[in-house]
């Protein structure tokens, strides 16, 4: 049976390679996009904007729709659950 690919605890991105993880450290719970240069989790609004931008670029949805999509996805992640 294949081992499950870890996902970012902030945005849910699959972290398949070491460079996908914060600081390239596979023991970190967050991806490189959700963390700063020290490997610390970025503020919620910054993560929300990054995710929304990804949805606009990759799925061609409006910014308003992308923000709503990002809010819904982030709400279920361990980093943000019950906080936003």
PDB file of N, CA and C in Angstrom:
ATOM      1  N   UNK A   1       0.842  -1.182   0.000  1.00  0.00           N
ATOM      2  CA  UNK A   1       0.000   0.000   0.000  1.00  0.00           C
ATOM      3  C   UNK A   1       0.884   1.241   0.000  1.00  0.00           C
ATOM      4  N   UNK A   2       0.552   2.209  -0.813  1.00  0.00           N
ATOM      5  CA  UNK A   2       1.324   3.441  -0.896  1.00  0.00           C
ATOM      6  C   UNK A   2       1.088   4.300   0.345  1.00  0.00           C
ATOM      7  N   UNK A   3       2.145   4.987   0.742  1.00  0.00           N
ATOM      8  CA  UNK A   3       2.043   5.892   1.887  1.00  0.00           C
ATOM      9  C   UNK A   3       1.308   7.158   1.457  1.00  0.00           C
ATOM     10  N   UNK A   4       0.464   7.673   2.337  1.00  0.00           N
ATOM     11  CA  UNK A   4      -0.317   8.872   2.033  1.00  0.00           C
ATOM     12  C   UNK A   4       0.598  10.093   1.962  1.00  0.00           C
ATOM     13  N   UNK A   5       0.387  10.895   0.966  1.00  0.00           N
ATOM     14  CA  UNK A   5       1.140  12.133   0.794  1.00  0.00           C
ATOM     15  C   UNK A   5       0.673  13.141   1.847  1.00  0.00           C
ATOM     16  N   UNK A   6       1.592  13.739   2.603  1.00  0.00           N
ATOM     17  CA  UNK A   6       1.170  14.738   3.586  1.00  0.00           C
ATOM     18  C   UNK A   6       0.640  15.992   2.894  1.00  0.00           C
ATOM     19  N   UNK A   7      -0.268  16.662   3.563  1.00  0.00           N
ATOM     20  CA  UNK A   7      -0.835  17.901   3.042  1.00  0.00           C
ATOM     21  C   UNK A   7      -0.544  19.026   4.022  1.00  0.00           C
ATOM     22  N   UNK A   8      -0.414  20.214   3.509  1.00  0.00           N
ATOM     23  CA  UNK A   8      -0.169  21.392   4.344  1.00  0.00           C
ATOM     24  C   UNK A   8      -1.326  21.580   5.323  1.00  0.00           C
ATOM     25  N   UNK A   9      -0.994  21.797   6.573  1.00  0.00           N
ATOM     26  CA  UNK A   9      -1.999  22.006   7.610  1.00  0.00           C
ATOM     27  C   UNK A   9      -2.638  23.377   7.564  1.00  0.00           C
ATOM     28  N   UNK A  10      -2.196  24.209   6.634  1.00  0.00           N
ATOM     29  CA  UNK A  10      -2.761  25.546   6.473  1.00  0.00           C
ATOM     30  C   UNK A  10      -3.635  25.651   5.227  1.00  0.00           C
ATOM     31  N   UNK A  11      -3.137  25.144   4.094  1.00  0.00           N
ATOM     32  CA  UNK A  11      -3.877  25.307   2.839  1.00  0.00           C
ATOM     33  C   UNK A  11      -4.314  23.987   2.202  1.00  0.00           C
ATOM     34  N   UNK A  12      -3.736  22.877   2.640  1.00  0.00           N
ATOM     35  CA  UNK A  12      -4.108  21.582   2.094  1.00  0.00           C
ATOM     36  C   UNK A  12      -3.304  21.137   0.888  1.00  0.00           C
ATOM     37  N   UNK A  13      -2.328  21.920   0.475  1.00  0.00           N
ATOM     38  CA  UNK A  13      -1.517  21.554  -0.679  1.00  0.00           C
ATOM     39  C   UNK A  13      -0.782  20.245  -0.411  1.00  0.00           C
ATOM     40  N   UNK A  14      -0.790  19.322  -1.382  1.00  0.00           N
ATOM     41  CA  UNK A  14       0.002  18.100  -1.215  1.00  0.00           C
ATOM     42  C   UNK A  14       1.487  18.459  -1.139  1.00  0.00           C
ATOM     43  N   UNK A  15       2.186  17.881  -0.188  1.00  0.00           N
ATOM     44  CA  UNK A  15       3.623  18.137  -0.049  1.00  0.00           C
ATOM     45  C   UNK A  15       4.349  16.847  -0.395  1.00  0.00           C
ATOM     46  N   UNK A  16       4.713  16.741  -1.675  1.00  0.00           N
ATOM     47  CA  UNK A  16       5.276  15.510  -2.223  1.00  0.00           C
ATOM     48  C   UNK A  16       6.800  15.453  -2.140  1.00  0.00           C
ATOM     49  N   UNK A  17       7.452  16.600  -2.247  1.00  0.00           N
ATOM     50  CA  UNK A  17       8.912  16.666  -2.265  1.00  0.00           C
ATOM     51  C   UNK A  17       9.385  17.533  -1.092  1.00  0.00           C
ATOM     52  N   UNK A  18      10.609  17.328  -0.623  1.00  0.00           N
ATOM     53  CA  UNK A  18      11.106  18.150   0.487  1.00  0.00           C
ATOM     54  C   UNK A  18      10.967  19.654   0.225  1.00  0.00           C
ATOM     55  N   UNK A  19      11.173  20.077  -0.999  1.00  0.00           N
ATOM     56  CA  UNK A  19      11.088  21.520  -1.289  1.00  0.00           C
ATOM     57  C   UNK A  19       9.667  22.076  -1.180  1.00  0.00           C
ATOM     58  N   UNK A  20       8.671  21.215  -1.091  1.00  0.00           N
ATOM     59  CA  UNK A  20       7.292  21.663  -0.891  1.00  0.00           C
ATOM     60  C   UNK A  20       7.047  22.093   0.558  1.00  0.00           C
ATOM     61  N   UNK A  21       7.837  21.568   1.486  1.00  0.00           N
ATOM     62  CA  UNK A  21       7.681  21.848   2.912  1.00  0.00           C
ATOM     63  C   UNK A  21       8.367  23.158   3.289  1.00  0.00           C
ATOM     64  N   UNK A  22       7.899  23.785   4.361  1.00  0.00           N
ATOM     65  CA  UNK A  22       8.557  24.986   4.888  1.00  0.00           C
ATOM     66  C   UNK A  22      10.021  24.657   5.163  1.00  0.00           C
ATOM     67  N   UNK A  23      10.919  25.495   4.675  1.00  0.00           N
ATOM     68  CA  UNK A  23      12.368  25.350   4.839  1.00  0.00           C
ATOM     69  C   UNK A  23      12.915  24.033   4.284  1.00  0.00           C
ATOM     70  N   UNK A  24      12.121  23.328   3.477  1.00  0.00           N
ATOM     71  CA  UNK A  24      12.550  22.047   2.933  1.00  0.00           C
ATOM     72  C   UNK A  24      12.632  20.952   3.991  1.00  0.00           C
ATOM     73  N   UNK A  25      12.013  21.196   5.137  1.00  0.00           N
ATOM     74  CA  UNK A  25      12.050  20.282   6.280  1.00  0.00           C
ATOM     75  C   UNK A  25      10.768  19.448   6.303  1.00  0.00           C
ATOM     76  N   UNK A  26      10.896  18.161   6.002  1.00  0.00           N
ATOM     77  CA  UNK A  26       9.721  17.295   5.884  1.00  0.00           C
ATOM     78  C   UNK A  26       8.999  17.048   7.212  1.00  0.00           C
ATOM     79  N   UNK A  27       9.539  17.530   8.309  1.00  0.00           N
ATOM     80  CA  UNK A  27       8.856  17.390   9.598  1.00  0.00           C
ATOM     81  C   UNK A  27       7.954  18.588   9.891  1.00  0.00           C
ATOM     82  N   UNK A  28       8.014  19.602   9.062  1.00  0.00           N
ATOM     83  CA  UNK A  28       7.195  20.799   9.271  1.00  0.00           C
ATOM     84  C   UNK A  28       5.775  20.556   8.760  1.00  0.00           C
ATOM     85  N   UNK A  29       4.759  21.103   9.454  1.00  0.00           N
ATOM     86  CA  UNK A  29       3.373  20.825   9.066  1.00  0.00           C
ATOM     87  C   UNK A  29       2.820  21.716   7.954  1.00  0.00           C
ATOM     88  N   UNK A  30       3.588  22.751   7.554  1.00  0.00           N
ATOM     89  CA  UNK A  30       3.080  23.712   6.576  1.00  0.00           C
ATOM     90  C   UNK A  30       3.964  23.757   5.331  1.00  0.00           C
ATOM     91  N   UNK A  31       3.365  24.175   4.222  1.00  0.00           N
ATOM     92  CA  UNK A  31       4.094  24.259   2.959  1.00  0.00           C
ATOM     93  C   UNK A  31       4.894  25.555   2.861  1.00  0.00           C
ATOM     94  N   UNK A  32       5.698  25.624   1.832  1.00  0.00           N
ATOM     95  CA  UNK A  32       6.551  26.790   1.618  1.00  0.00           C
ATOM     96  C   UNK A  32       5.762  28.052   1.277  1.00  0.00           C
ATOM     97  N   UNK A  33       4.554  27.902   0.777  1.00  0.00           N
ATOM     98  CA  UNK A  33       3.744  29.063   0.412  1.00  0.00           C
ATOM     99  C   UNK A  33       3.032  29.686   1.609  1.00  0.00           C
ATOM    100  N   UNK A  34       2.847  28.920   2.663  1.00  0.00           N
ATOM    101  CA  UNK A  34       2.114  29.396   3.845  1.00  0.00           C
ATOM    102  C   UNK A  34       3.032  29.850   4.976  1.00  0.00           C
ATOM    103  N   UNK A  35       4.344  29.870   4.711  1.00  0.00           N
ATOM    104  CA  UNK A  35       5.299  30.205   5.760  1.00  0.00           C
ATOM    105  C   UNK A  35       6.262  31.296   5.305  1.00  0.00           C
ATOM    106  N   UNK A  36       6.869  31.933   6.302  1.00  0.00           N
ATOM    107  CA  UNK A  36       7.847  32.985   6.015  1.00  0.00           C
ATOM    108  C   UNK A  36       9.253  32.386   5.904  1.00  0.00           C
ATOM    109  N   UNK A  37      10.259  33.236   5.813  1.00  0.00           N
ATOM    110  CA  UNK A  37      11.644  32.791   5.644  1.00  0.00           C
ATOM    111  C   UNK A  37      12.171  32.006   6.842  1.00  0.00           C
ATOM    112  N   UNK A  38      11.516  32.116   7.985  1.00  0.00           N
ATOM    113  CA  UNK A  38      11.914  31.367   9.189  1.00  0.00           C
ATOM    114  C   UNK A  38      11.105  30.076   9.342  1.00  0.00           C
ATOM    115  N   UNK A  39      10.175  29.832   8.415  1.00  0.00           N
ATOM    116  CA  UNK A  39       9.338  28.642   8.493  1.00  0.00           C
ATOM    117  C   UNK A  39       8.114  28.820   9.367  1.00  0.00           C
ATOM    118  N   UNK A  40       7.831  30.063   9.772  1.00  0.00           N
ATOM    119  CA  UNK A  40       6.674  30.357  10.612  1.00  0.00           C
ATOM    120  C   UNK A  40       5.433  30.595   9.743  1.00  0.00           C
ATOM    121  N   UNK A  41       4.297  30.199  10.245  1.00  0.00           N
ATOM    122  CA  UNK A  41       3.037  30.367   9.525  1.00  0.00           C
ATOM    123  C   UNK A  41       2.746  31.846   9.281  1.00  0.00           C
ATOM    124  N   UNK A  42       2.379  32.168   8.050  1.00  0.00           N
ATOM    125  CA  UNK A  42       2.011  33.534   7.687  1.00  0.00           C
ATOM    126  C   UNK A  42       0.643  33.878   8.265  1.00  0.00           C
ATOM    127  N   UNK A  43       0.310  35.178   8.345  1.00  0.00           N
ATOM    128  CA  UNK A  43      -1.025  35.564   8.804  1.00  0.00           C
ATOM    129  C   UNK A  43      -2.113  35.026   7.877  1.00  0.00           C
ATOM    130  N   UNK A  44      -3.274  34.779   8.465  1.00  0.00           N
ATOM    131  CA  UNK A  44      -4.415  34.222   7.735  1.00  0.00           C
ATOM    132  C   UNK A  44      -4.718  35.008   6.464  1.00  0.00           C
ATOM    133  N   UNK A  45      -4.799  36.323   6.550  1.00  0.00           N
ATOM    134  CA  UNK A  45      -5.171  37.129   5.382  1.00  0.00           C
ATOM    135  C   UNK A  45      -4.182  36.948   4.230  1.00  0.00           C
ATOM    136  N   UNK A  46      -2.917  36.793   4.552  1.00  0.00           N
ATOM    137  CA  UNK A  46      -1.910  36.590   3.515  1.00  0.00           C
ATOM    138  C   UNK A  46      -2.068  35.212   2.865  1.00  0.00           C
ATOM    139  N   UNK A  47      -2.321  34.196   3.670  1.00  0.00           N
ATOM    140  CA  UNK A  47      -2.555  32.844   3.137  1.00  0.00           C
ATOM    141  C   UNK A  47      -3.830  32.839   2.289  1.00  0.00           C
ATOM    142  N   UNK A  48      -4.866  33.509   2.767  1.00  0.00           N
ATOM    143  CA  UNK A  48      -6.124  33.606   2.021  1.00  0.00           C
ATOM    144  C   UNK A  48      -5.891  34.240   0.650  1.00  0.00           C
ATOM    145  N   UNK A  49      -5.153  35.348   0.609  1.00  0.00           N
ATOM    146  CA  UNK A  49      -4.879  36.037  -0.655  1.00  0.00           C
ATOM    147  C   UNK A  49      -4.059  35.173  -1.610  1.00  0.00           C
ATOM    148  N   UNK A  50      -3.067  34.469  -1.083  1.00  0.00           N
ATOM    149  CA  UNK A  50      -2.244  33.596  -1.924  1.00  0.00           C
ATOM    150  C   UNK A  50      -3.092  32.497  -2.542  1.00  0.00           C
ATOM    151  N   UNK A  51      -3.939  31.888  -1.726  1.00  0.00           N
ATOM    152  CA  UNK A  51      -4.799  30.813  -2.225  1.00  0.00           C
ATOM    153  C   UNK A  51      -5.807  31.340  -3.230  1.00  0.00           C
ATOM    154  N   UNK A  52      -6.402  32.468  -2.948  1.00  0.00           N
ATOM    155  CA  UNK A  52      -7.367  33.054  -3.887  1.00  0.00           C
ATOM    156  C   UNK A  52      -6.691  33.359  -5.223  1.00  0.00           C
ATOM    157  N   UNK A  53      -5.484  33.897  -5.179  1.00  0.00           N
ATOM    158  CA  UNK A  53      -4.743  34.182  -6.413  1.00  0.00           C
ATOM    159  C   UNK A  53      -4.496  32.922  -7.219  1.00  0.00           C
ATOM    160  N   UNK A  54      -4.199  31.836  -6.522  1.00  0.00           N
ATOM    161  CA  UNK A  54      -3.999  30.551  -7.207  1.00  0.00           C
ATOM    162  C   UNK A  54      -5.277  30.119  -7.919  1.00  0.00           C
ATOM    163  N   UNK A  55      -6.424  30.264  -7.260  1.00  0.00           N
ATOM    164  CA  UNK A  55      -7.693  29.844  -7.876  1.00  0.00           C
ATOM    165  C   UNK A  55      -8.048  30.723  -9.082  1.00  0.00           C
ATOM    166  N   UNK A  56      -7.776  32.012  -8.997  1.00  0.00           N
ATOM    167  CA  UNK A  56      -8.025  32.901 -10.141  1.00  0.00           C
ATOM    168  C   UNK A  56      -7.167  32.461 -11.323  1.00  0.00           C
ATOM    169  N   UNK A  57      -5.871  32.234 -11.059  1.00  0.00           N
ATOM    170  CA  UNK A  57      -4.939  31.877 -12.136  1.00  0.00           C
ATOM    171  C   UNK A  57      -5.183  30.484 -12.704  1.00  0.00           C
ATOM    172  N   UNK A  58      -5.459  29.524 -11.844  1.00  0.00           N
ATOM    173  CA  UNK A  58      -5.557  28.139 -12.314  1.00  0.00           C
ATOM    174  C   UNK A  58      -6.952  27.732 -12.766  1.00  0.00           C
ATOM    175  N   UNK A  59      -7.982  28.402 -12.232  1.00  0.00           N
ATOM    176  CA  UNK A  59      -9.348  27.991 -12.558  1.00  0.00           C
ATOM    177  C   UNK A  59     -10.151  29.068 -13.270  1.00  0.00           C
ATOM    178  N   UNK A  60      -9.579  30.247 -13.401  1.00  0.00           N
ATOM    179  CA  UNK A  60     -10.247  31.305 -14.139  1.00  0.00           C
ATOM    180  C   UNK A  60     -11.508  31.853 -13.492  1.00  0.00           C
ATOM    181  N   UNK A  61     -11.628  31.705 -12.175  1.00  0.00           N
ATOM    182  CA  UNK A  61     -12.807  32.234 -11.479  1.00  0.00           C
ATOM    183  C   UNK A  61     -12.577  33.698 -11.127  1.00  0.00           C
ATOM    184  N   UNK A  62     -13.634  34.390 -10.783  1.00  0.00           N
ATOM    185  CA  UNK A  62     -13.506  35.788 -10.384  1.00  0.00           C
ATOM    186  C   UNK A  62     -12.797  35.868  -9.034  1.00  0.00           C
ATOM    187  N   UNK A  63     -12.271  37.036  -8.710  1.00  0.00           N
ATOM    188  CA  UNK A  63     -11.591  37.214  -7.428  1.00  0.00           C
ATOM    189  C   UNK A  63     -12.556  36.962  -6.278  1.00  0.00           C
ATOM    190  N   UNK A  64     -13.775  37.453  -6.390  1.00  0.00           N
ATOM    191  CA  UNK A  64     -14.766  37.253  -5.318  1.00  0.00           C
ATOM    192  C   UNK A  64     -15.041  35.763  -5.103  1.00  0.00           C
ATOM    193  N   UNK A  65     -15.208  35.024  -6.189  1.00  0.00           N
ATOM    194  CA  UNK A  65     -15.442  33.580  -6.076  1.00  0.00           C
ATOM    195  C   UNK A  65     -14.211  32.887  -5.494  1.00  0.00           C
ATOM    196  N   UNK A  66     -13.039  33.331  -5.901  1.00  0.00           N
ATOM    197  CA  UNK A  66     -11.799  32.734  -5.408  1.00  0.00           C
ATOM    198  C   UNK A  66     -11.639  32.951  -3.906  1.00  0.00           C
ATOM    199  N   UNK A  67     -11.989  34.132  -3.422  1.00  0.00           N
ATOM    200  CA  UNK A  67     -11.909  34.422  -1.979  1.00  0.00           C
ATOM    201  C   UNK A  67     -12.847  33.486  -1.224  1.00  0.00           C
ATOM    202  N   UNK A  68     -14.045  33.307  -1.722  1.00  0.00           N
ATOM    203  CA  UNK A  68     -15.006  32.420  -1.055  1.00  0.00           C
ATOM    204  C   UNK A  68     -14.520  30.969  -1.071  1.00  0.00           C
ATOM    205  N   UNK A  69     -13.958  30.534  -2.189  1.00  0.00           N
ATOM    206  CA  UNK A  69     -13.411  29.180  -2.274  1.00  0.00           C
ATOM    207  C   UNK A  69     -12.285  29.006  -1.259  1.00  0.00           C
ATOM    208  N   UNK A  70     -11.386  29.969  -1.220  1.00  0.00           N
ATOM    209  CA  UNK A  70     -10.248  29.889  -0.299  1.00  0.00           C
ATOM    210  C   UNK A  70     -10.722  29.884   1.152  1.00  0.00           C
ATOM    211  N   UNK A  71     -11.687  30.737   1.486  1.00  0.00           N
ATOM    212  CA  UNK A  71     -12.218  30.759   2.864  1.00  0.00           C
ATOM    213  C   UNK A  71     -12.786  29.398   3.258  1.00  0.00           C
ATOM    214  N   UNK A  72     -13.538  28.794   2.353  1.00  0.00           N
ATOM    215  CA  UNK A  72     -14.159  27.499   2.644  1.00  0.00           C
ATOM    216  C   UNK A  72     -13.105  26.411   2.849  1.00  0.00           C
ATOM    217  N   UNK A  73     -12.086  26.417   2.029  1.00  0.00           N
ATOM    218  CA  UNK A  73     -11.042  25.391   2.147  1.00  0.00           C
ATOM    219  C   UNK A  73     -10.201  25.613   3.400  1.00  0.00           C
ATOM    220  N   UNK A  74      -9.797  26.844   3.656  1.00  0.00           N
ATOM    221  CA  UNK A  74      -8.958  27.122   4.827  1.00  0.00           C
ATOM    222  C   UNK A  74      -9.692  26.847   6.132  1.00  0.00           C
ATOM    223  N   UNK A  75     -10.989  27.041   6.149  1.00  0.00           N
ATOM    224  CA  UNK A  75     -11.771  26.855   7.383  1.00  0.00           C
ATOM    225  C   UNK A  75     -11.668  25.450   7.946  1.00  0.00           C
ATOM    226  N   UNK A  76     -11.373  24.492   7.091  1.00  0.00           N
ATOM    227  CA  UNK A  76     -11.306  23.098   7.523  1.00  0.00           C
ATOM    228  C   UNK A  76      -9.889  22.635   7.852  1.00  0.00           C
ATOM    229  N   UNK A  77      -8.905  23.492   7.666  1.00  0.00           N
ATOM    230  CA  UNK A  77      -7.513  23.100   7.899  1.00  0.00           C
ATOM    231  C   UNK A  77      -7.132  23.319   9.366  1.00  0.00           C
ATOM    232  N   UNK A  78      -6.268  22.443   9.904  1.00  0.00           N
ATOM    233  CA  UNK A  78      -5.894  22.539  11.313  1.00  0.00           C
ATOM    234  C   UNK A  78      -5.389  23.912  11.757  1.00  0.00           C
ATOM    235  N   UNK A  79      -4.649  24.595  10.904  1.00  0.00           N
ATOM    236  CA  UNK A  79      -4.100  25.900  11.293  1.00  0.00           C
ATOM    237  C   UNK A  79      -5.177  26.948  11.537  1.00  0.00           C
ATOM    238  N   UNK A  80      -6.312  26.821  10.874  1.00  0.00           N
ATOM    239  CA  UNK A  80      -7.330  27.867  10.915  1.00  0.00           C
ATOM    240  C   UNK A  80      -8.664  27.397  11.498  1.00  0.00           C
ATOM    241  N   UNK A  81      -8.827  26.129  11.701  1.00  0.00           N
ATOM    242  CA  UNK A  81     -10.102  25.589  12.186  1.00  0.00           C
ATOM    243  C   UNK A  81     -10.556  26.313  13.452  1.00  0.00           C
ATOM    244  N   UNK A  82     -11.759  26.866  13.406  1.00  0.00           N
ATOM    245  CA  UNK A  82     -12.318  27.560  14.551  1.00  0.00           C
ATOM    246  C   UNK A  82     -11.777  28.957  14.797  1.00  0.00           C
ATOM    247  N   UNK A  83     -10.879  29.405  13.935  1.00  0.00           N
ATOM    248  CA  UNK A  83     -10.276  30.725  14.117  1.00  0.00           C
ATOM    249  C   UNK A  83     -10.811  31.768  13.151  1.00  0.00           C
ATOM    250  N   UNK A  84     -11.375  31.325  12.020  1.00  0.00           N
ATOM    251  CA  UNK A  84     -11.860  32.284  11.000  1.00  0.00           C
ATOM    252  C   UNK A  84     -13.124  31.779  10.382  1.00  0.00           C
TER     253      UNK A  84
END
